[in-house]
Amino acid sequence: MTLTLDLTEEQEARLVARAKAAGIDDPRQYVLSLISSEIDEQMPTTGAELIAYWKRLGVDGLFADRPDSPEFARQLRSQVESRAATS
């Protein structure tokens, strides 16, 4: 399959920069690697697979510094409600 993408100059520059940052000289190879990683990776179907997936993404424990309590949930809700009232 052949895909043709019309990128703006700004998008192309960012693509080239990201490819170089990833150590890939050819931006086309970089895009192919991104697509391959998305297509080839199976989405988790069990709880254990989901935890492993989160760990691979680095999001497991992201909010470890936050208390797990109803009081904290009330504080968050209050913040959201006060923002909504002022919008």
N, C-alpha and C. Protein backbone atom coordinates (compact mmCIF):
# COMPACT_ATOMS: atom_id res chain seq x y z
N MET A 1 0.85 -1.17 0.00
CA MET A 1 0.00 0.00 0.00
C MET A 1 0.89 1.24 0.00
N THR A 2 0.50 2.19 -0.76
CA THR A 2 1.21 3.46 -0.81
C THR A 2 0.28 4.54 -0.28
N LEU A 3 0.80 5.36 0.63
CA LEU A 3 0.05 6.48 1.17
C LEU A 3 0.77 7.78 0.80
N THR A 4 0.00 8.79 0.47
CA THR A 4 0.57 10.10 0.19
C THR A 4 0.00 11.07 1.21
N LEU A 5 0.89 11.79 1.87
CA LEU A 5 0.47 12.76 2.88
C LEU A 5 0.85 14.17 2.42
N ASP A 6 -0.06 15.10 2.56
CA ASP A 6 0.23 16.50 2.26
C ASP A 6 0.45 17.21 3.59
N LEU A 7 1.71 17.48 3.88
CA LEU A 7 2.08 18.14 5.13
C LEU A 7 2.40 19.60 4.86
N THR A 8 2.11 20.43 5.84
CA THR A 8 2.54 21.82 5.74
C THR A 8 4.06 21.85 5.96
N GLU A 9 4.67 22.96 5.63
CA GLU A 9 6.12 23.08 5.85
C GLU A 9 6.46 22.94 7.32
N GLU A 10 5.60 23.48 8.17
CA GLU A 10 5.82 23.39 9.62
C GLU A 10 5.73 21.94 10.09
N GLN A 11 4.73 21.21 9.61
CA GLN A 11 4.58 19.80 9.99
C GLN A 11 5.77 18.99 9.50
N GLU A 12 6.21 19.27 8.29
CA GLU A 12 7.36 18.54 7.75
C GLU A 12 8.61 18.81 8.58
N ALA A 13 8.81 20.06 8.97
CA ALA A 13 9.98 20.40 9.78
C ALA A 13 9.94 19.69 11.13
N ARG A 14 8.75 19.63 11.73
CA ARG A 14 8.62 18.93 13.02
C ARG A 14 8.85 17.44 12.85
N LEU A 15 8.37 16.89 11.74
CA LEU A 15 8.56 15.47 11.47
C LEU A 15 10.04 15.15 11.31
N VAL A 16 10.74 15.96 10.56
CA VAL A 16 12.18 15.76 10.35
C VAL A 16 12.91 15.86 11.69
N ALA A 17 12.54 16.83 12.51
CA ALA A 17 13.18 17.02 13.81
C ALA A 17 12.94 15.82 14.72
N ARG A 18 11.72 15.32 14.74
CA ARG A 18 11.41 14.16 15.59
C ARG A 18 12.12 12.91 15.10
N ALA A 19 12.21 12.76 13.80
CA ALA A 19 12.92 11.60 13.25
C ALA A 19 14.38 11.65 13.66
N LYS A 20 15.00 12.81 13.53
CA LYS A 20 16.41 12.96 13.91
C LYS A 20 16.60 12.71 15.41
N ALA A 21 15.65 13.21 16.21
CA ALA A 21 15.73 13.00 17.66
C ALA A 21 15.64 11.52 18.01
N ALA A 22 14.93 10.75 17.16
CA ALA A 22 14.80 9.32 17.38
C ALA A 22 15.96 8.55 16.75
N GLY A 23 16.89 9.29 16.13
CA GLY A 23 18.05 8.64 15.52
C GLY A 23 17.77 8.05 14.15
N ILE A 24 16.75 8.56 13.49
CA ILE A 24 16.38 8.07 12.16
C ILE A 24 16.55 9.21 11.16
N ASP A 25 17.41 9.00 10.17
CA ASP A 25 17.70 10.05 9.20
C ASP A 25 16.57 10.28 8.19
N ASP A 26 15.86 9.23 7.84
CA ASP A 26 14.81 9.34 6.83
C ASP A 26 13.45 9.48 7.51
N PRO A 27 12.79 10.63 7.36
CA PRO A 27 11.50 10.83 8.03
C PRO A 27 10.45 9.80 7.60
N ARG A 28 10.56 9.29 6.38
CA ARG A 28 9.61 8.26 5.93
C ARG A 28 9.75 6.99 6.76
N GLN A 29 10.98 6.64 7.10
CA GLN A 29 11.21 5.46 7.94
C GLN A 29 10.66 5.70 9.35
N TYR A 30 10.79 6.94 9.82
CA TYR A 30 10.27 7.28 11.14
C TYR A 30 8.74 7.12 11.16
N VAL A 31 8.06 7.64 10.14
CA VAL A 31 6.61 7.51 10.05
C VAL A 31 6.22 6.04 9.97
N LEU A 32 6.95 5.27 9.18
CA LEU A 32 6.66 3.84 9.07
C LEU A 32 6.82 3.14 10.42
N SER A 33 7.84 3.53 11.19
CA SER A 33 8.02 2.92 12.51
C SER A 33 6.87 3.28 13.45
N LEU A 34 6.37 4.51 13.35
CA LEU A 34 5.23 4.91 14.18
C LEU A 34 3.98 4.11 13.82
N ILE A 35 3.74 4.00 12.53
CA ILE A 35 2.57 3.25 12.08
C ILE A 35 2.69 1.79 12.47
N SER A 36 3.86 1.22 12.27
CA SER A 36 4.08 -0.19 12.60
C SER A 36 3.84 -0.46 14.08
N SER A 37 4.32 0.45 14.93
CA SER A 37 4.15 0.23 16.36
C SER A 37 2.67 0.28 16.75
N GLU A 38 1.89 1.11 16.07
CA GLU A 38 0.46 1.19 16.36
C GLU A 38 -0.29 -0.02 15.83
N ILE A 39 0.05 -0.44 14.63
CA ILE A 39 -0.66 -1.55 14.00
C ILE A 39 -0.31 -2.88 14.66
N ASP A 40 0.97 -3.06 14.97
CA ASP A 40 1.43 -4.34 15.47
C ASP A 40 1.10 -4.59 16.93
N GLU A 41 0.90 -3.54 17.69
CA GLU A 41 0.65 -3.72 19.12
C GLU A 41 -0.81 -4.11 19.35
N GLN A 42 -0.99 -5.21 20.05
CA GLN A 42 -2.32 -5.68 20.40
C GLN A 42 -2.81 -4.92 21.63
N MET A 43 -4.04 -4.49 21.59
CA MET A 43 -4.60 -3.80 22.74
C MET A 43 -4.89 -4.82 23.84
N PRO A 44 -4.76 -4.42 25.09
CA PRO A 44 -4.97 -5.34 26.20
C PRO A 44 -6.42 -5.83 26.25
N THR A 45 -6.55 -7.09 26.61
CA THR A 45 -7.89 -7.69 26.72
C THR A 45 -8.18 -8.19 28.13
N THR A 46 -7.17 -8.20 28.99
CA THR A 46 -7.37 -8.61 30.38
C THR A 46 -6.81 -7.52 31.29
N GLY A 47 -7.16 -7.61 32.55
CA GLY A 47 -6.64 -6.64 33.52
C GLY A 47 -5.13 -6.67 33.61
N ALA A 48 -4.55 -7.86 33.60
CA ALA A 48 -3.09 -7.99 33.69
C ALA A 48 -2.41 -7.37 32.47
N GLU A 49 -3.00 -7.59 31.28
CA GLU A 49 -2.44 -7.00 30.07
C GLU A 49 -2.56 -5.47 30.11
N LEU A 50 -3.65 -4.98 30.66
CA LEU A 50 -3.84 -3.53 30.77
C LEU A 50 -2.79 -2.90 31.69
N ILE A 51 -2.53 -3.52 32.82
CA ILE A 51 -1.50 -3.02 33.73
C ILE A 51 -0.14 -3.03 33.05
N ALA A 52 0.19 -4.11 32.34
CA ALA A 52 1.46 -4.19 31.63
C ALA A 52 1.55 -3.10 30.56
N TYR A 53 0.44 -2.85 29.87
CA TYR A 53 0.38 -1.79 28.84
C TYR A 53 0.63 -0.43 29.47
N TRP A 54 -0.04 -0.15 30.59
CA TRP A 54 0.17 1.12 31.28
C TRP A 54 1.61 1.28 31.72
N LYS A 55 2.22 0.21 32.19
CA LYS A 55 3.62 0.28 32.61
C LYS A 55 4.53 0.60 31.42
N ARG A 56 4.26 -0.03 30.27
CA ARG A 56 5.05 0.26 29.07
C ARG A 56 4.92 1.72 28.67
N LEU A 57 3.73 2.28 28.83
CA LEU A 57 3.52 3.68 28.47
C LEU A 57 4.04 4.64 29.53
N GLY A 58 4.35 4.13 30.70
CA GLY A 58 4.86 4.97 31.78
C GLY A 58 3.78 5.72 32.54
N VAL A 59 2.53 5.28 32.43
CA VAL A 59 1.45 5.97 33.14
C VAL A 59 1.03 5.27 34.42
N ASP A 60 1.51 4.05 34.64
CA ASP A 60 1.20 3.34 35.88
C ASP A 60 1.84 4.09 37.04
N GLY A 61 1.06 4.47 38.01
CA GLY A 61 1.58 5.20 39.16
C GLY A 61 1.71 6.70 38.91
N LEU A 62 1.13 7.18 37.84
CA LEU A 62 1.23 8.59 37.47
C LEU A 62 0.72 9.51 38.58
N PHE A 63 -0.32 9.07 39.27
CA PHE A 63 -0.91 9.90 40.32
C PHE A 63 -0.62 9.33 41.70
N ALA A 64 0.51 8.68 41.86
CA ALA A 64 0.86 8.07 43.14
C ALA A 64 1.00 9.10 44.26
N ASP A 65 1.27 10.35 43.89
CA ASP A 65 1.43 11.40 44.90
C ASP A 65 0.08 11.95 45.38
N ARG A 66 -1.01 11.52 44.77
CA ARG A 66 -2.33 12.01 45.15
C ARG A 66 -2.98 11.04 46.13
N PRO A 67 -3.65 11.58 47.13
CA PRO A 67 -4.33 10.70 48.08
C PRO A 67 -5.53 10.02 47.42
N ASP A 68 -5.77 8.79 47.80
CA ASP A 68 -6.91 8.04 47.29
C ASP A 68 -8.00 8.09 48.34
N SER A 69 -8.75 9.19 48.32
CA SER A 69 -9.74 9.35 49.38
C SER A 69 -10.97 10.10 48.86
N PRO A 70 -12.10 9.88 49.51
CA PRO A 70 -13.30 10.62 49.14
C PRO A 70 -13.12 12.13 49.33
N GLU A 71 -12.34 12.51 50.33
CA GLU A 71 -12.11 13.94 50.58
C GLU A 71 -11.40 14.58 49.39
N PHE A 72 -10.40 13.91 48.86
CA PHE A 72 -9.68 14.43 47.69
C PHE A 72 -10.63 14.52 46.49
N ALA A 73 -11.49 13.53 46.31
CA ALA A 73 -12.46 13.56 45.22
C ALA A 73 -13.41 14.75 45.37
N ARG A 74 -13.82 15.04 46.61
CA ARG A 74 -14.69 16.21 46.84
C ARG A 74 -13.96 17.51 46.50
N GLN A 75 -12.68 17.59 46.83
CA GLN A 75 -11.91 18.78 46.51
C GLN A 75 -11.83 18.99 44.99
N LEU A 76 -11.56 17.91 44.27
CA LEU A 76 -11.49 18.01 42.81
C LEU A 76 -12.83 18.45 42.22
N ARG A 77 -13.91 17.84 42.71
CA ARG A 77 -15.23 18.20 42.21
C ARG A 77 -15.53 19.66 42.50
N SER A 78 -15.18 20.13 43.66
CA SER A 78 -15.41 21.53 44.03
C SER A 78 -14.64 22.46 43.10
N GLN A 79 -13.41 22.10 42.77
CA GLN A 79 -12.61 22.92 41.84
C GLN A 79 -13.26 22.98 40.47
N VAL A 80 -13.71 21.85 39.99
CA VAL A 80 -14.35 21.80 38.67
C VAL A 80 -15.64 22.61 38.67
N GLU A 81 -16.44 22.45 39.72
CA GLU A 81 -17.69 23.18 39.78
C GLU A 81 -17.47 24.67 39.87
N SER A 82 -16.44 25.10 40.60
CA SER A 82 -16.19 26.54 40.72
C SER A 82 -15.69 27.11 39.39
N ARG A 83 -14.91 26.31 38.63
CA ARG A 83 -14.48 26.75 37.30
C ARG A 83 -15.67 26.86 36.35
N ALA A 84 -16.57 25.88 36.43
CA ALA A 84 -17.73 25.87 35.55
C ALA A 84 -18.65 27.05 35.84
N ALA A 85 -18.73 27.42 37.11
CA ALA A 85 -19.60 28.54 37.49
C ALA A 85 -19.06 29.88 36.99
N THR A 86 -17.74 29.99 36.86
CA THR A 86 -17.14 31.26 36.43
C THR A 86 -16.97 31.34 34.91
N SER A 87 -17.20 30.24 34.22
CA SER A 87 -17.04 30.23 32.74
C SER A 87 -18.22 30.81 32.04
